[in-house]
Protein backbone atom coordinates (compact mmCIF):
# COMPACT_ATOMS: atom_id res chain seq x y z
CA UNK A 1 0.00 0.00 0.00
CA UNK A 2 1.30 3.44 -0.93
CA UNK A 3 2.17 5.80 1.90
CA UNK A 4 1.43 9.43 1.15
CA UNK A 5 3.59 12.21 2.55
CA UNK A 6 1.03 15.02 2.50
CA UNK A 7 -2.33 15.89 4.06
CA UNK A 8 -5.11 17.74 2.31
CA UNK A 9 -6.92 20.40 4.36
CA UNK A 10 -10.13 21.54 2.66
CA UNK A 11 -11.71 24.94 3.29
CA UNK A 12 -14.93 23.11 4.17
CA UNK A 13 -13.20 21.58 7.23
CA UNK A 14 -12.99 25.08 8.74
CA UNK A 15 -16.27 26.67 7.57
CA UNK A 16 -18.81 27.49 10.29
CA UNK A 17 -21.62 27.50 7.70
CA UNK A 18 -21.15 23.75 7.12
CA UNK A 19 -22.58 20.99 9.26
CA UNK A 20 -20.43 18.09 10.40
CA UNK A 21 -22.27 15.89 7.89
CA UNK A 22 -21.25 18.36 5.15
CA UNK A 23 -17.56 18.04 5.96
CA UNK A 24 -16.80 20.42 8.84
CA UNK A 25 -14.08 18.88 11.03
CA UNK A 26 -13.65 21.44 13.83
CA UNK A 27 -16.03 22.74 16.54
CA UNK A 28 -18.12 25.82 15.73
CA UNK A 29 -16.29 27.95 18.30
CA UNK A 30 -13.02 27.34 16.43
CA UNK A 31 -14.05 27.80 12.79
CA UNK A 32 -14.75 30.93 10.78
CA UNK A 33 -17.51 31.89 8.40
CA UNK A 34 -16.73 31.33 4.70
CA UNK A 35 -12.93 31.11 4.80
CA UNK A 36 -11.07 31.70 1.57
CA UNK A 37 -7.98 30.08 0.14
CA UNK A 38 -5.79 33.15 0.67
CA UNK A 39 -6.59 33.24 4.40
CA UNK A 40 -5.90 29.53 4.71
CA UNK A 41 -2.53 29.91 2.97
CA UNK A 42 -1.71 32.90 5.19
CA UNK A 43 -2.52 30.88 8.34
CA UNK A 44 -0.25 28.06 7.16
CA UNK A 45 2.53 30.54 6.41
CA UNK A 46 2.29 32.07 9.91
CA UNK A 47 2.55 28.56 11.37
CA UNK A 48 5.61 27.83 9.19
CA UNK A 49 3.75 25.10 7.33
CA UNK A 50 4.77 24.58 3.71
CA UNK A 51 1.39 24.66 1.95
CA UNK A 52 0.47 24.27 -1.70
CA UNK A 53 -2.91 25.79 -2.55
CA UNK A 54 -5.33 24.39 -5.10
CA UNK A 55 -8.84 25.43 -6.17
CA UNK A 56 -11.13 22.43 -6.48
CA UNK A 57 -14.62 21.11 -5.80
CA UNK A 58 -15.09 19.54 -2.37
CA UNK A 59 -16.39 15.98 -2.92
CA UNK A 60 -19.40 16.32 -0.59
CA UNK A 61 -20.49 19.59 -2.25
CA UNK A 62 -19.48 19.16 -5.88
CA UNK A 63 -21.61 22.07 -7.13
CA UNK A 64 -19.77 24.72 -5.12
CA UNK A 65 -16.22 25.88 -5.80
CA UNK A 66 -13.91 25.31 -2.85
CA UNK A 67 -10.21 24.71 -2.40
CA UNK A 68 -7.58 23.08 -0.26
CA UNK A 69 -4.00 23.25 0.87
CA UNK A 70 -1.67 20.31 0.68
CA UNK A 71 0.74 20.16 3.63
CA UNK A 72 3.50 17.80 4.71
CA UNK A 73 2.59 15.28 7.38
CA UNK A 74 3.85 16.46 10.73
CA UNK A 75 1.66 14.75 13.31
CA UNK A 76 -2.00 13.73 13.54
CA UNK A 77 -4.19 15.33 10.88
CA UNK A 78 -6.91 16.45 13.32
CA UNK A 79 -4.36 18.20 15.53
CA UNK A 80 -2.94 20.06 12.52
CA UNK A 81 -6.42 21.08 11.38
CA UNK A 82 -7.24 22.44 14.86
CA UNK A 83 -3.98 24.44 14.93
CA UNK A 84 -4.71 25.92 11.50
CA UNK A 85 -8.31 26.72 12.54
CA UNK A 86 -7.11 28.65 15.61
CA UNK A 87 -4.62 30.63 13.54
CA UNK A 88 -7.29 31.32 10.91
CA UNK A 89 -9.53 32.72 13.66
CA UNK A 90 -6.70 35.00 14.82
CA UNK A 91 -6.12 36.21 11.27
CA UNK A 92 -9.81 36.84 10.71
CA UNK A 93 -10.04 38.72 14.03
CA UNK A 94 -7.09 40.97 13.25
CA UNK A 95 -8.37 42.08 9.83
CA UNK A 96 -10.22 45.38 9.63
CA UNK A 97 -13.96 44.92 9.15
CA UNK A 98 -15.50 46.03 5.86
CA UNK A 99 -18.32 48.55 6.11
PDB file of N, CA and C in Angstrom:
ATOM      1  N   UNK A   1       0.834  -1.176   0.000  1.00  0.00           N
ATOM      2  CA  UNK A   1       0.000   0.000   0.000  1.00  0.00           C
ATOM      3  C   UNK A   1       0.884   1.247   0.000  1.00  0.00           C
ATOM      4  N   UNK A   2       0.516   2.231  -0.797  1.00  0.00           N
ATOM      5  CA  UNK A   2       1.303   3.441  -0.929  1.00  0.00           C
ATOM      6  C   UNK A   2       1.134   4.329   0.295  1.00  0.00           C
ATOM      7  N   UNK A   3       2.228   4.890   0.772  1.00  0.00           N
ATOM      8  CA  UNK A   3       2.171   5.798   1.904  1.00  0.00           C
ATOM      9  C   UNK A   3       2.358   7.222   1.383  1.00  0.00           C
ATOM     10  N   UNK A   4       1.379   8.049   1.621  1.00  0.00           N
ATOM     11  CA  UNK A   4       1.425   9.428   1.151  1.00  0.00           C
ATOM     12  C   UNK A   4       2.149  10.300   2.168  1.00  0.00           C
ATOM     13  N   UNK A   5       2.803  11.349   1.687  1.00  0.00           N
ATOM     14  CA  UNK A   5       3.589  12.211   2.555  1.00  0.00           C
ATOM     15  C   UNK A   5       2.893  13.514   2.873  1.00  0.00           C
ATOM     16  N   UNK A   6       1.705  13.745   2.319  1.00  0.00           N
ATOM     17  CA  UNK A   6       1.028  15.023   2.504  1.00  0.00           C
ATOM     18  C   UNK A   6      -0.415  14.819   2.944  1.00  0.00           C
ATOM     19  N   UNK A   7      -0.920  15.817   3.688  1.00  0.00           N
ATOM     20  CA  UNK A   7      -2.326  15.888   4.064  1.00  0.00           C
ATOM     21  C   UNK A   7      -3.009  16.919   3.183  1.00  0.00           C
ATOM     22  N   UNK A   8      -4.300  16.750   2.995  1.00  0.00           N
ATOM     23  CA  UNK A   8      -5.111  17.743   2.307  1.00  0.00           C
ATOM     24  C   UNK A   8      -6.047  18.347   3.344  1.00  0.00           C
ATOM     25  N   UNK A   9      -6.036  19.685   3.442  1.00  0.00           N
ATOM     26  CA  UNK A   9      -6.921  20.398   4.364  1.00  0.00           C
ATOM     27  C   UNK A   9      -7.857  21.251   3.515  1.00  0.00           C
ATOM     28  N   UNK A  10      -9.119  20.847   3.453  1.00  0.00           N
ATOM     29  CA  UNK A  10     -10.130  21.540   2.660  1.00  0.00           C
ATOM     30  C   UNK A  10     -10.664  22.741   3.419  1.00  0.00           C
ATOM     31  N   UNK A  11     -11.077  23.775   2.682  1.00  0.00           N
ATOM     32  CA  UNK A  11     -11.713  24.941   3.287  1.00  0.00           C
ATOM     33  C   UNK A  11     -12.972  24.542   4.051  1.00  0.00           C
ATOM     34  N   UNK A  12     -13.684  23.557   3.555  1.00  0.00           N
ATOM     35  CA  UNK A  12     -14.928  23.114   4.173  1.00  0.00           C
ATOM     36  C   UNK A  12     -14.711  22.547   5.580  1.00  0.00           C
ATOM     37  N   UNK A  13     -13.514  22.078   5.884  1.00  0.00           N
ATOM     38  CA  UNK A  13     -13.204  21.577   7.226  1.00  0.00           C
ATOM     39  C   UNK A  13     -13.323  22.685   8.258  1.00  0.00           C
ATOM     40  N   UNK A  14     -13.110  23.945   7.826  1.00  0.00           N
ATOM     41  CA  UNK A  14     -12.992  25.081   8.739  1.00  0.00           C
ATOM     42  C   UNK A  14     -14.139  26.075   8.629  1.00  0.00           C
ATOM     43  N   UNK A  15     -15.168  25.753   7.861  1.00  0.00           N
ATOM     44  CA  UNK A  15     -16.270  26.668   7.569  1.00  0.00           C
ATOM     45  C   UNK A  15     -17.413  26.490   8.564  1.00  0.00           C
ATOM     46  N   UNK A  16     -17.753  27.564   9.283  1.00  0.00           N
ATOM     47  CA  UNK A  16     -18.810  27.488  10.292  1.00  0.00           C
ATOM     48  C   UNK A  16     -20.198  27.363   9.665  1.00  0.00           C
ATOM     49  N   UNK A  17     -20.333  27.634   8.379  1.00  0.00           N
ATOM     50  CA  UNK A  17     -21.618  27.501   7.701  1.00  0.00           C
ATOM     51  C   UNK A  17     -21.928  26.054   7.314  1.00  0.00           C
ATOM     52  N   UNK A  18     -20.970  25.164   7.451  1.00  0.00           N
ATOM     53  CA  UNK A  18     -21.155  23.750   7.120  1.00  0.00           C
ATOM     54  C   UNK A  18     -21.486  22.955   8.368  1.00  0.00           C
ATOM     55  N   UNK A  19     -22.293  21.936   8.177  1.00  0.00           N
ATOM     56  CA  UNK A  19     -22.577  20.987   9.262  1.00  0.00           C
ATOM     57  C   UNK A  19     -21.479  19.927   9.265  1.00  0.00           C
ATOM     58  N   UNK A  20     -21.412  19.171  10.343  1.00  0.00           N
ATOM     59  CA  UNK A  20     -20.429  18.086  10.402  1.00  0.00           C
ATOM     60  C   UNK A  20     -20.671  17.100   9.263  1.00  0.00           C
ATOM     61  N   UNK A  21     -21.950  16.840   8.959  1.00  0.00           N
ATOM     62  CA  UNK A  21     -22.271  15.894   7.886  1.00  0.00           C
ATOM     63  C   UNK A  21     -21.896  16.430   6.510  1.00  0.00           C
ATOM     64  N   UNK A  22     -21.651  17.742   6.415  1.00  0.00           N
ATOM     65  CA  UNK A  22     -21.248  18.363   5.150  1.00  0.00           C
ATOM     66  C   UNK A  22     -19.732  18.532   5.051  1.00  0.00           C
ATOM     67  N   UNK A  23     -19.011  18.048   6.060  1.00  0.00           N
ATOM     68  CA  UNK A  23     -17.562  18.044   5.962  1.00  0.00           C
ATOM     69  C   UNK A  23     -16.809  18.874   6.976  1.00  0.00           C
ATOM     70  N   UNK A  24     -17.513  19.621   7.839  1.00  0.00           N
ATOM     71  CA  UNK A  24     -16.799  20.418   8.840  1.00  0.00           C
ATOM     72  C   UNK A  24     -16.106  19.481   9.818  1.00  0.00           C
ATOM     73  N   UNK A  25     -14.844  19.776  10.167  1.00  0.00           N
ATOM     74  CA  UNK A  25     -14.080  18.878  11.032  1.00  0.00           C
ATOM     75  C   UNK A  25     -13.667  19.504  12.357  1.00  0.00           C
ATOM     76  N   UNK A  26     -14.010  20.777  12.581  1.00  0.00           N
ATOM     77  CA  UNK A  26     -13.648  21.440  13.832  1.00  0.00           C
ATOM     78  C   UNK A  26     -14.902  21.985  14.510  1.00  0.00           C
ATOM     79  N   UNK A  27     -14.864  22.200  15.834  1.00  0.00           N
ATOM     80  CA  UNK A  27     -16.033  22.744  16.537  1.00  0.00           C
ATOM     81  C   UNK A  27     -16.387  24.143  16.038  1.00  0.00           C
ATOM     82  N   UNK A  28     -17.654  24.520  16.200  1.00  0.00           N
ATOM     83  CA  UNK A  28     -18.123  25.822  15.731  1.00  0.00           C
ATOM     84  C   UNK A  28     -17.380  26.985  16.376  1.00  0.00           C
ATOM     85  N   UNK A  29     -16.975  26.837  17.631  1.00  0.00           N
ATOM     86  CA  UNK A  29     -16.291  27.948  18.299  1.00  0.00           C
ATOM     87  C   UNK A  29     -14.864  28.144  17.788  1.00  0.00           C
ATOM     88  N   UNK A  30     -14.378  27.247  16.971  1.00  0.00           N
ATOM     89  CA  UNK A  30     -13.022  27.336  16.435  1.00  0.00           C
ATOM     90  C   UNK A  30     -13.003  27.771  14.974  1.00  0.00           C
ATOM     91  N   UNK A  31     -14.074  27.507  14.230  1.00  0.00           N
ATOM     92  CA  UNK A  31     -14.053  27.802  12.794  1.00  0.00           C
ATOM     93  C   UNK A  31     -14.528  29.222  12.494  1.00  0.00           C
ATOM     94  N   UNK A  32     -14.367  29.603  11.243  1.00  0.00           N
ATOM     95  CA  UNK A  32     -14.749  30.934  10.778  1.00  0.00           C
ATOM     96  C   UNK A  32     -15.801  30.805   9.682  1.00  0.00           C
ATOM     97  N   UNK A  33     -16.458  31.908   9.410  1.00  0.00           N
ATOM     98  CA  UNK A  33     -17.507  31.894   8.398  1.00  0.00           C
ATOM     99  C   UNK A  33     -16.898  32.136   7.021  1.00  0.00           C
ATOM    100  N   UNK A  34     -17.159  31.238   6.107  1.00  0.00           N
ATOM    101  CA  UNK A  34     -16.732  31.331   4.703  1.00  0.00           C
ATOM    102  C   UNK A  34     -15.253  31.694   4.544  1.00  0.00           C
ATOM    103  N   UNK A  35     -14.353  30.828   5.000  1.00  0.00           N
ATOM    104  CA  UNK A  35     -12.926  31.115   4.804  1.00  0.00           C
ATOM    105  C   UNK A  35     -12.564  31.062   3.323  1.00  0.00           C
ATOM    106  N   UNK A  36     -11.518  31.775   2.960  1.00  0.00           N
ATOM    107  CA  UNK A  36     -11.067  31.700   1.569  1.00  0.00           C
ATOM    108  C   UNK A  36      -9.662  31.122   1.518  1.00  0.00           C
ATOM    109  N   UNK A  37      -9.252  30.774   0.341  1.00  0.00           N
ATOM    110  CA  UNK A  37      -7.980  30.085   0.137  1.00  0.00           C
ATOM    111  C   UNK A  37      -6.778  30.948   0.532  1.00  0.00           C
ATOM    112  N   UNK A  38      -6.885  32.248   0.303  1.00  0.00           N
ATOM    113  CA  UNK A  38      -5.791  33.153   0.667  1.00  0.00           C
ATOM    114  C   UNK A  38      -5.589  33.181   2.179  1.00  0.00           C
ATOM    115  N   UNK A  39      -6.681  33.239   2.937  1.00  0.00           N
ATOM    116  CA  UNK A  39      -6.589  33.240   4.396  1.00  0.00           C
ATOM    117  C   UNK A  39      -6.003  31.925   4.907  1.00  0.00           C
ATOM    118  N   UNK A  40      -6.410  30.834   4.302  1.00  0.00           N
ATOM    119  CA  UNK A  40      -5.895  29.527   4.706  1.00  0.00           C
ATOM    120  C   UNK A  40      -4.394  29.428   4.432  1.00  0.00           C
ATOM    121  N   UNK A  41      -3.958  29.917   3.291  1.00  0.00           N
ATOM    122  CA  UNK A  41      -2.530  29.911   2.965  1.00  0.00           C
ATOM    123  C   UNK A  41      -1.758  30.825   3.914  1.00  0.00           C
ATOM    124  N   UNK A  42      -2.353  31.965   4.266  1.00  0.00           N
ATOM    125  CA  UNK A  42      -1.712  32.897   5.195  1.00  0.00           C
ATOM    126  C   UNK A  42      -1.566  32.273   6.579  1.00  0.00           C
ATOM    127  N   UNK A  43      -2.588  31.550   7.041  1.00  0.00           N
ATOM    128  CA  UNK A  43      -2.524  30.877   8.338  1.00  0.00           C
ATOM    129  C   UNK A  43      -1.423  29.827   8.336  1.00  0.00           C
ATOM    130  N   UNK A  44      -1.310  29.076   7.264  1.00  0.00           N
ATOM    131  CA  UNK A  44      -0.252  28.063   7.162  1.00  0.00           C
ATOM    132  C   UNK A  44       1.125  28.712   7.164  1.00  0.00           C
ATOM    133  N   UNK A  45       1.247  29.842   6.466  1.00  0.00           N
ATOM    134  CA  UNK A  45       2.528  30.539   6.407  1.00  0.00           C
ATOM    135  C   UNK A  45       2.936  31.037   7.789  1.00  0.00           C
ATOM    136  N   UNK A  46       1.981  31.589   8.560  1.00  0.00           N
ATOM    137  CA  UNK A  46       2.289  32.069   9.906  1.00  0.00           C
ATOM    138  C   UNK A  46       2.705  30.932  10.830  1.00  0.00           C
ATOM    139  N   UNK A  47       2.201  29.729  10.566  1.00  0.00           N
ATOM    140  CA  UNK A  47       2.551  28.565  11.369  1.00  0.00           C
ATOM    141  C   UNK A  47       3.791  27.842  10.837  1.00  0.00           C
ATOM    142  N   UNK A  48       4.429  28.418   9.836  1.00  0.00           N
ATOM    143  CA  UNK A  48       5.613  27.834   9.188  1.00  0.00           C
ATOM    144  C   UNK A  48       5.327  26.459   8.592  1.00  0.00           C
ATOM    145  N   UNK A  49       4.153  26.334   8.006  1.00  0.00           N
ATOM    146  CA  UNK A  49       3.755  25.097   7.330  1.00  0.00           C
ATOM    147  C   UNK A  49       3.868  25.333   5.831  1.00  0.00           C
ATOM    148  N   UNK A  50       4.626  24.484   5.158  1.00  0.00           N
ATOM    149  CA  UNK A  50       4.768  24.577   3.714  1.00  0.00           C
ATOM    150  C   UNK A  50       3.468  24.080   3.076  1.00  0.00           C
ATOM    151  N   UNK A  51       2.700  25.003   2.500  1.00  0.00           N
ATOM    152  CA  UNK A  51       1.387  24.656   1.950  1.00  0.00           C
ATOM    153  C   UNK A  51       1.321  24.974   0.464  1.00  0.00           C
ATOM    154  N   UNK A  52       0.725  24.070  -0.282  1.00  0.00           N
ATOM    155  CA  UNK A  52       0.473  24.271  -1.700  1.00  0.00           C
ATOM    156  C   UNK A  52      -1.030  24.410  -1.882  1.00  0.00           C
ATOM    157  N   UNK A  53      -1.478  25.543  -2.413  1.00  0.00           N
ATOM    158  CA  UNK A  53      -2.912  25.793  -2.555  1.00  0.00           C
ATOM    159  C   UNK A  53      -3.421  25.260  -3.879  1.00  0.00           C
ATOM    160  N   UNK A  54      -4.695  24.909  -3.886  1.00  0.00           N
ATOM    161  CA  UNK A  54      -5.333  24.385  -5.098  1.00  0.00           C
ATOM    162  C   UNK A  54      -6.829  24.668  -5.024  1.00  0.00           C
ATOM    163  N   UNK A  55      -7.391  25.269  -6.083  1.00  0.00           N
ATOM    164  CA  UNK A  55      -8.840  25.433  -6.169  1.00  0.00           C
ATOM    165  C   UNK A  55      -9.412  24.132  -6.695  1.00  0.00           C
ATOM    166  N   UNK A  56     -10.515  23.691  -6.074  1.00  0.00           N
ATOM    167  CA  UNK A  56     -11.132  22.427  -6.481  1.00  0.00           C
ATOM    168  C   UNK A  56     -12.548  22.373  -5.938  1.00  0.00           C
ATOM    169  N   UNK A  57     -13.278  21.345  -6.320  1.00  0.00           N
ATOM    170  CA  UNK A  57     -14.620  21.107  -5.802  1.00  0.00           C
ATOM    171  C   UNK A  57     -14.538  20.098  -4.680  1.00  0.00           C
ATOM    172  N   UNK A  58     -15.085  20.453  -3.506  1.00  0.00           N
ATOM    173  CA  UNK A  58     -15.094  19.537  -2.374  1.00  0.00           C
ATOM    174  C   UNK A  58     -16.016  18.368  -2.712  1.00  0.00           C
ATOM    175  N   UNK A  59     -15.603  17.143  -2.503  1.00  0.00           N
ATOM    176  CA  UNK A  59     -16.387  15.984  -2.923  1.00  0.00           C
ATOM    177  C   UNK A  59     -17.819  15.931  -2.384  1.00  0.00           C
ATOM    178  N   UNK A  60     -18.046  16.375  -1.147  1.00  0.00           N
ATOM    179  CA  UNK A  60     -19.400  16.317  -0.588  1.00  0.00           C
ATOM    180  C   UNK A  60     -20.291  17.439  -1.100  1.00  0.00           C
ATOM    181  N   UNK A  61     -19.725  18.462  -1.722  1.00  0.00           N
ATOM    182  CA  UNK A  61     -20.488  19.589  -2.250  1.00  0.00           C
ATOM    183  C   UNK A  61     -19.946  19.922  -3.630  1.00  0.00           C
ATOM    184  N   UNK A  62     -20.137  19.039  -4.575  1.00  0.00           N
ATOM    185  CA  UNK A  62     -19.480  19.160  -5.879  1.00  0.00           C
ATOM    186  C   UNK A  62     -19.999  20.318  -6.731  1.00  0.00           C
ATOM    187  N   UNK A  63     -21.072  20.970  -6.325  1.00  0.00           N
ATOM    188  CA  UNK A  63     -21.608  22.070  -7.128  1.00  0.00           C
ATOM    189  C   UNK A  63     -21.018  23.424  -6.728  1.00  0.00           C
ATOM    190  N   UNK A  64     -20.289  23.461  -5.645  1.00  0.00           N
ATOM    191  CA  UNK A  64     -19.768  24.718  -5.125  1.00  0.00           C
ATOM    192  C   UNK A  64     -18.244  24.699  -5.179  1.00  0.00           C
ATOM    193  N   UNK A  65     -17.680  25.772  -5.718  1.00  0.00           N
ATOM    194  CA  UNK A  65     -16.222  25.881  -5.798  1.00  0.00           C
ATOM    195  C   UNK A  65     -15.640  25.992  -4.394  1.00  0.00           C
ATOM    196  N   UNK A  66     -14.584  25.289  -4.137  1.00  0.00           N
ATOM    197  CA  UNK A  66     -13.905  25.311  -2.851  1.00  0.00           C
ATOM    198  C   UNK A  66     -12.406  25.304  -3.132  1.00  0.00           C
ATOM    199  N   UNK A  67     -11.644  24.810  -2.208  1.00  0.00           N
ATOM    200  CA  UNK A  67     -10.213  24.710  -2.405  1.00  0.00           C
ATOM    201  C   UNK A  67      -9.574  24.011  -1.227  1.00  0.00           C
ATOM    202  N   UNK A  68      -8.289  23.755  -1.342  1.00  0.00           N
ATOM    203  CA  UNK A  68      -7.585  23.082  -0.261  1.00  0.00           C
ATOM    204  C   UNK A  68      -6.123  23.463  -0.281  1.00  0.00           C
ATOM    205  N   UNK A  69      -5.452  23.145   0.819  1.00  0.00           N
ATOM    206  CA  UNK A  69      -4.000  23.251   0.870  1.00  0.00           C
ATOM    207  C   UNK A  69      -3.462  21.854   1.116  1.00  0.00           C
ATOM    208  N   UNK A  70      -2.357  21.572   0.494  1.00  0.00           N
ATOM    209  CA  UNK A  70      -1.670  20.307   0.679  1.00  0.00           C
ATOM    210  C   UNK A  70      -0.447  20.596   1.547  1.00  0.00           C
ATOM    211  N   UNK A  71      -0.353  19.903   2.694  1.00  0.00           N
ATOM    212  CA  UNK A  71       0.740  20.158   3.633  1.00  0.00           C
ATOM    213  C   UNK A  71       1.460  18.858   3.964  1.00  0.00           C
ATOM    214  N   UNK A  72       2.728  18.990   4.338  1.00  0.00           N
ATOM    215  CA  UNK A  72       3.498  17.801   4.715  1.00  0.00           C
ATOM    216  C   UNK A  72       2.988  17.243   6.032  1.00  0.00           C
ATOM    217  N   UNK A  73       2.999  15.928   6.146  1.00  0.00           N
ATOM    218  CA  UNK A  73       2.589  15.277   7.385  1.00  0.00           C
ATOM    219  C   UNK A  73       3.572  15.632   8.487  1.00  0.00           C
ATOM    220  N   UNK A  74       3.021  16.086   9.604  1.00  0.00           N
ATOM    221  CA  UNK A  74       3.853  16.461  10.734  1.00  0.00           C
ATOM    222  C   UNK A  74       3.063  16.235  12.018  1.00  0.00           C
ATOM    223  N   UNK A  75       2.478  15.059  12.151  1.00  0.00           N
ATOM    224  CA  UNK A  75       1.659  14.745  13.315  1.00  0.00           C
ATOM    225  C   UNK A  75       0.271  14.324  12.879  1.00  0.00           C
ATOM    226  N   UNK A  76      -0.625  14.137  13.855  1.00  0.00           N
ATOM    227  CA  UNK A  76      -2.002  13.732  13.536  1.00  0.00           C
ATOM    228  C   UNK A  76      -2.743  14.820  12.747  1.00  0.00           C
ATOM    229  N   UNK A  77      -3.500  14.400  11.757  1.00  0.00           N
ATOM    230  CA  UNK A  77      -4.193  15.335  10.885  1.00  0.00           C
ATOM    231  C   UNK A  77      -5.164  16.222  11.659  1.00  0.00           C
ATOM    232  N   UNK A  78      -5.930  15.656  12.583  1.00  0.00           N
ATOM    233  CA  UNK A  78      -6.915  16.447  13.323  1.00  0.00           C
ATOM    234  C   UNK A  78      -6.231  17.524  14.159  1.00  0.00           C
ATOM    235  N   UNK A  79      -5.099  17.222  14.730  1.00  0.00           N
ATOM    236  CA  UNK A  79      -4.359  18.199  15.529  1.00  0.00           C
ATOM    237  C   UNK A  79      -3.867  19.350  14.642  1.00  0.00           C
ATOM    238  N   UNK A  80      -3.393  19.031  13.460  1.00  0.00           N
ATOM    239  CA  UNK A  80      -2.937  20.059  12.523  1.00  0.00           C
ATOM    240  C   UNK A  80      -4.100  20.932  12.074  1.00  0.00           C
ATOM    241  N   UNK A  81      -5.243  20.321  11.800  1.00  0.00           N
ATOM    242  CA  UNK A  81      -6.421  21.077  11.376  1.00  0.00           C
ATOM    243  C   UNK A  81      -6.862  22.036  12.480  1.00  0.00           C
ATOM    244  N   UNK A  82      -6.851  21.578  13.734  1.00  0.00           N
ATOM    245  CA  UNK A  82      -7.235  22.439  14.857  1.00  0.00           C
ATOM    246  C   UNK A  82      -6.266  23.617  14.997  1.00  0.00           C
ATOM    247  N   UNK A  83      -4.981  23.377  14.831  1.00  0.00           N
ATOM    248  CA  UNK A  83      -3.977  24.438  14.926  1.00  0.00           C
ATOM    249  C   UNK A  83      -4.193  25.480  13.827  1.00  0.00           C
ATOM    250  N   UNK A  84      -4.457  25.011  12.623  1.00  0.00           N
ATOM    251  CA  UNK A  84      -4.711  25.918  11.496  1.00  0.00           C
ATOM    252  C   UNK A  84      -5.997  26.705  11.741  1.00  0.00           C
ATOM    253  N   UNK A  85      -7.030  26.054  12.269  1.00  0.00           N
ATOM    254  CA  UNK A  85      -8.306  26.719  12.538  1.00  0.00           C
ATOM    255  C   UNK A  85      -8.132  27.839  13.562  1.00  0.00           C
ATOM    256  N   UNK A  86      -7.355  27.597  14.604  1.00  0.00           N
ATOM    257  CA  UNK A  86      -7.114  28.648  15.614  1.00  0.00           C
ATOM    258  C   UNK A  86      -6.371  29.834  15.005  1.00  0.00           C
ATOM    259  N   UNK A  87      -5.379  29.550  14.179  1.00  0.00           N
ATOM    260  CA  UNK A  87      -4.621  30.631  13.537  1.00  0.00           C
ATOM    261  C   UNK A  87      -5.498  31.383  12.550  1.00  0.00           C
ATOM    262  N   UNK A  88      -6.359  30.692  11.838  1.00  0.00           N
ATOM    263  CA  UNK A  88      -7.287  31.323  10.907  1.00  0.00           C
ATOM    264  C   UNK A  88      -8.233  32.257  11.650  1.00  0.00           C
ATOM    265  N   UNK A  89      -8.674  31.861  12.837  1.00  0.00           N
ATOM    266  CA  UNK A  89      -9.528  32.721  13.661  1.00  0.00           C
ATOM    267  C   UNK A  89      -8.782  33.980  14.080  1.00  0.00           C
ATOM    268  N   UNK A  90      -7.512  33.834  14.443  1.00  0.00           N
ATOM    269  CA  UNK A  90      -6.701  34.999  14.822  1.00  0.00           C
ATOM    270  C   UNK A  90      -6.538  35.953  13.638  1.00  0.00           C
ATOM    271  N   UNK A  91      -6.281  35.391  12.474  1.00  0.00           N
ATOM    272  CA  UNK A  91      -6.119  36.211  11.267  1.00  0.00           C
ATOM    273  C   UNK A  91      -7.414  36.939  10.958  1.00  0.00           C
ATOM    274  N   UNK A  92      -8.514  36.239  11.008  1.00  0.00           N
ATOM    275  CA  UNK A  92      -9.815  36.839  10.711  1.00  0.00           C
ATOM    276  C   UNK A  92     -10.150  37.926  11.733  1.00  0.00           C
ATOM    277  N   UNK A  93      -9.765  37.725  12.986  1.00  0.00           N
ATOM    278  CA  UNK A  93     -10.040  38.718  14.030  1.00  0.00           C
ATOM    279  C   UNK A  93      -9.183  39.953  13.919  1.00  0.00           C
ATOM    280  N   UNK A  94      -8.003  39.834  13.340  1.00  0.00           N
ATOM    281  CA  UNK A  94      -7.088  40.969  13.254  1.00  0.00           C
ATOM    282  C   UNK A  94      -7.311  41.814  11.995  1.00  0.00           C
ATOM    283  N   UNK A  95      -8.115  41.316  11.061  1.00  0.00           N
ATOM    284  CA  UNK A  95      -8.371  42.084   9.834  1.00  0.00           C
ATOM    285  C   UNK A  95      -9.390  43.161  10.095  1.00  0.00           C
ATOM    286  N   UNK A  96      -9.224  44.328   9.460  1.00  0.00           N
ATOM    287  CA  UNK A  96     -10.223  45.382   9.633  1.00  0.00           C
ATOM    288  C   UNK A  96     -11.551  44.967   8.997  1.00  0.00           C
ATOM    289  N   UNK A  97     -12.633  45.310   9.649  1.00  0.00           N
ATOM    290  CA  UNK A  97     -13.956  44.925   9.149  1.00  0.00           C
ATOM    291  C   UNK A  97     -14.382  45.843   8.015  1.00  0.00           C
ATOM    292  N   UNK A  98     -15.010  45.254   7.002  1.00  0.00           N
ATOM    293  CA  UNK A  98     -15.498  46.027   5.863  1.00  0.00           C
ATOM    294  C   UNK A  98     -16.857  46.618   6.198  1.00  0.00           C
ATOM    295  N   UNK A  99     -17.052  47.864   5.814  1.00  0.00           N
ATOM    296  CA  UNK A  99     -18.324  48.552   6.115  1.00  0.00           C
ATOM    297  C   UNK A  99     -19.221  48.511   4.934  1.00  0.00           C
TER     298      UNK A  99
END
